[in-house]
Amino acid sequence: MFGVSAERRRGQRGMTLVELIVAFTILALLASMAVPLARSRVRREREKELRVALREIHTAIDKYKDMADAGKLGQLNAAKENYPESLEVLVEGVKVNGQGTEGEKKLRFLRRIPKDPFTKTADWGMRSTQDDPKSTAWGGQNVFAVFSKTMEKAADGTPYAEW
């Protein structure tokens, strides 16, 4: 009876060194494949967030321009070519013409300035209508377009600042 339990204990020993090395190698190989996939997924999510933020800001700028061209916004500066003078104007709002004695109604085009997912700030690069299309410096006349200030590039090699 004593001999049977000793055999059973020998069969229940742990893994050999070779088995441990093989198991560790397989685990390391799987982990090395998962890390690049996770990084590319994070990058794709940031790119998606960047597209959404840029679309939101550009839509607000376009709506502002349309309302200003239609003469529905009060006290506009003709030198600004009916574009907002800053992104903050889109958040703070602009007085609407034709409100009579109802008080001062303001039309807001953005609830808040979206954050750039790459720089993690609401600090966007801006271009005015007088700036060069590839310019990274803002002339300050008006806000015609915005771009990301990150120096990173997309998978196809285009800088995010050109999106």
Protein backbone atom coordinates (compact mmCIF):
# COMPACT_ATOMS: atom_id res chain seq x y z
CA MET A 1 0.00 0.00 0.00
CA PHE A 2 2.88 2.37 0.76
CA GLY A 3 4.40 1.72 -2.69
CA VAL A 4 1.25 2.83 -4.58
CA SER A 5 1.10 6.28 -2.97
CA ALA A 6 4.79 6.91 -3.74
CA GLU A 7 4.14 6.16 -7.42
CA ARG A 8 1.13 8.45 -7.42
CA ARG A 9 3.23 11.31 -5.97
CA ARG A 10 5.86 10.84 -8.67
CA GLY A 11 3.16 11.19 -11.36
CA GLN A 12 1.86 14.41 -9.81
CA ARG A 13 5.10 16.33 -9.93
CA GLY A 14 5.26 19.77 -11.57
CA MET A 15 6.34 20.56 -15.09
CA THR A 16 9.84 19.86 -16.31
CA LEU A 17 12.21 22.67 -17.21
CA VAL A 18 11.72 22.03 -20.94
CA GLU A 19 7.93 22.20 -20.56
CA LEU A 20 8.25 25.50 -18.66
CA ILE A 21 10.49 26.98 -21.35
CA VAL A 22 8.09 25.91 -24.13
CA ALA A 23 5.06 27.29 -22.24
CA PHE A 24 6.86 30.58 -21.53
CA THR A 25 7.94 30.89 -25.18
CA ILE A 26 4.38 30.37 -26.41
CA LEU A 27 3.08 32.91 -23.91
CA ALA A 28 5.74 35.46 -24.93
CA LEU A 29 4.94 34.93 -28.60
CA LEU A 30 1.22 35.51 -28.04
CA ALA A 31 1.92 38.62 -25.96
CA SER A 32 4.25 40.05 -28.61
CA MET A 33 1.49 39.63 -31.19
CA ALA A 34 -1.15 41.28 -28.99
CA VAL A 35 0.77 44.48 -28.15
CA PRO A 36 0.97 45.86 -31.73
CA LEU A 37 -2.70 45.04 -32.25
CA ALA A 38 -3.63 46.95 -29.11
CA ARG A 39 -1.49 49.93 -30.17
CA SER A 40 -3.06 50.06 -33.63
CA ARG A 41 -6.53 49.86 -32.09
CA VAL A 42 -5.77 52.80 -29.78
CA ARG A 43 -4.42 54.78 -32.76
CA ARG A 44 -7.55 54.02 -34.81
CA GLU A 45 -9.75 55.18 -31.93
CA ARG A 46 -7.80 58.44 -31.65
CA GLU A 47 -8.06 58.98 -35.40
CA LYS A 48 -11.80 58.42 -35.21
CA GLU A 49 -12.08 60.93 -32.33
CA LEU A 50 -9.98 63.43 -34.32
CA ARG A 51 -12.26 63.13 -37.35
CA VAL A 52 -15.35 63.64 -35.18
CA ALA A 53 -13.83 66.69 -33.42
CA LEU A 54 -12.71 68.27 -36.70
CA ARG A 55 -16.11 67.66 -38.27
CA GLU A 56 -17.86 69.21 -35.25
CA ILE A 57 -15.72 72.36 -35.36
CA HIS A 58 -15.88 72.75 -39.15
CA THR A 59 -19.67 72.29 -39.08
CA ALA A 60 -19.96 75.02 -36.43
CA ILE A 61 -17.76 77.36 -38.50
CA ASP A 62 -19.88 76.66 -41.60
CA LYS A 63 -23.14 77.31 -39.72
CA TYR A 64 -21.72 80.57 -38.36
CA LYS A 65 -20.71 81.63 -41.88
CA ASP A 66 -24.13 80.72 -43.32
CA MET A 67 -25.98 82.66 -40.59
CA ALA A 68 -23.65 85.65 -41.00
CA ASP A 69 -24.04 85.65 -44.80
CA ALA A 70 -27.83 85.58 -44.36
CA GLY A 71 -27.57 88.65 -42.10
CA LYS A 72 -29.00 86.87 -39.07
CA LEU A 73 -26.10 87.63 -36.74
CA GLY A 74 -25.70 91.09 -35.27
CA GLN A 75 -22.69 93.38 -35.10
CA LEU A 76 -20.32 91.56 -37.47
CA ASN A 77 -17.03 92.97 -38.64
CA ALA A 78 -16.85 93.04 -42.45
CA ALA A 79 -13.08 92.53 -42.30
CA LYS A 80 -13.68 89.08 -40.80
CA GLU A 81 -15.46 87.98 -44.02
CA ASN A 82 -18.36 86.59 -41.94
CA TYR A 83 -16.17 83.96 -40.27
CA PRO A 84 -15.79 83.80 -36.48
CA GLU A 85 -12.89 85.74 -35.01
CA SER A 86 -12.01 82.85 -32.66
CA LEU A 87 -13.26 79.42 -31.61
CA GLU A 88 -14.42 80.90 -28.31
CA VAL A 89 -17.01 82.97 -30.20
CA LEU A 90 -18.65 79.73 -31.32
CA VAL A 91 -18.99 78.66 -27.68
CA GLU A 92 -19.91 82.03 -26.13
CA GLY A 93 -22.49 82.76 -28.81
CA VAL A 94 -23.41 85.70 -31.01
CA LYS A 95 -26.39 88.05 -30.76
CA VAL A 96 -29.15 87.23 -33.22
CA ASN A 97 -30.74 90.00 -35.34
CA GLY A 98 -34.48 90.61 -35.37
CA GLN A 99 -35.24 89.67 -31.78
CA GLY A 100 -37.09 92.92 -30.98
CA THR A 101 -37.64 93.62 -27.30
CA GLU A 102 -37.40 90.01 -26.18
CA GLY A 103 -33.94 90.66 -24.85
CA GLU A 104 -30.60 89.64 -26.17
CA LYS A 105 -30.75 86.15 -27.57
CA LYS A 106 -27.43 84.51 -28.31
CA LEU A 107 -26.91 81.72 -30.77
CA ARG A 108 -24.22 79.23 -29.76
CA PHE A 109 -22.66 76.98 -32.35
CA LEU A 110 -20.64 74.73 -29.99
CA ARG A 111 -21.29 73.60 -26.42
CA ARG A 112 -17.55 73.43 -25.84
CA ILE A 113 -14.41 73.32 -27.90
CA PRO A 114 -13.61 69.62 -28.41
CA LYS A 115 -10.26 68.30 -27.25
CA ASP A 116 -7.68 67.09 -29.72
CA PRO A 117 -7.27 63.37 -28.93
CA PHE A 118 -3.56 63.47 -29.74
CA THR A 119 -2.55 66.58 -27.77
CA LYS A 120 -5.28 66.09 -25.12
CA THR A 121 -6.00 69.85 -25.16
CA ALA A 122 -8.60 72.14 -26.74
CA ASP A 123 -5.75 74.10 -28.35
CA TRP A 124 -6.18 73.73 -32.10
CA GLY A 125 -4.13 75.13 -34.92
CA MET A 126 -6.15 77.67 -36.91
CA ARG A 127 -6.04 79.21 -40.36
CA SER A 128 -7.74 82.35 -41.57
CA THR A 129 -8.97 83.02 -45.10
CA GLN A 130 -5.81 85.08 -45.73
CA ASP A 131 -3.40 82.33 -44.57
CA ASP A 132 -1.63 79.90 -46.86
CA PRO A 133 -3.49 76.54 -46.98
CA LYS A 134 -0.42 74.71 -45.60
CA SER A 135 0.44 77.38 -43.04
CA THR A 136 0.93 76.38 -39.41
CA ALA A 137 0.79 79.99 -38.18
CA TRP A 138 -2.51 81.77 -37.73
CA GLY A 139 -2.83 85.30 -39.12
CA GLY A 140 -5.54 86.14 -36.57
CA GLN A 141 -7.99 87.73 -39.01
CA ASN A 142 -10.70 85.05 -38.64
CA VAL A 143 -11.11 81.29 -38.21
CA PHE A 144 -11.60 79.60 -41.56
CA ALA A 145 -10.20 76.15 -40.68
CA VAL A 146 -8.69 74.21 -37.78
CA PHE A 147 -6.12 71.44 -37.60
CA SER A 148 -4.40 69.28 -35.01
CA LYS A 149 -1.13 70.57 -33.60
CA THR A 150 0.34 67.09 -33.19
CA MET A 151 3.43 66.21 -35.18
CA GLU A 152 2.41 62.55 -35.47
CA LYS A 153 1.57 60.92 -38.77
CA ALA A 154 -1.16 58.52 -39.80
CA ALA A 155 -0.41 54.99 -41.01
CA ASP A 156 -0.40 56.22 -44.62
CA GLY A 157 2.25 58.83 -43.77
CA THR A 158 0.07 61.95 -43.89
CA PRO A 159 0.47 64.28 -40.91
CA TYR A 160 -2.63 64.65 -38.75
CA ALA A 161 -2.21 68.41 -39.14
CA GLU A 162 -3.28 68.03 -42.78
CA TRP A 163 -6.58 66.28 -42.02
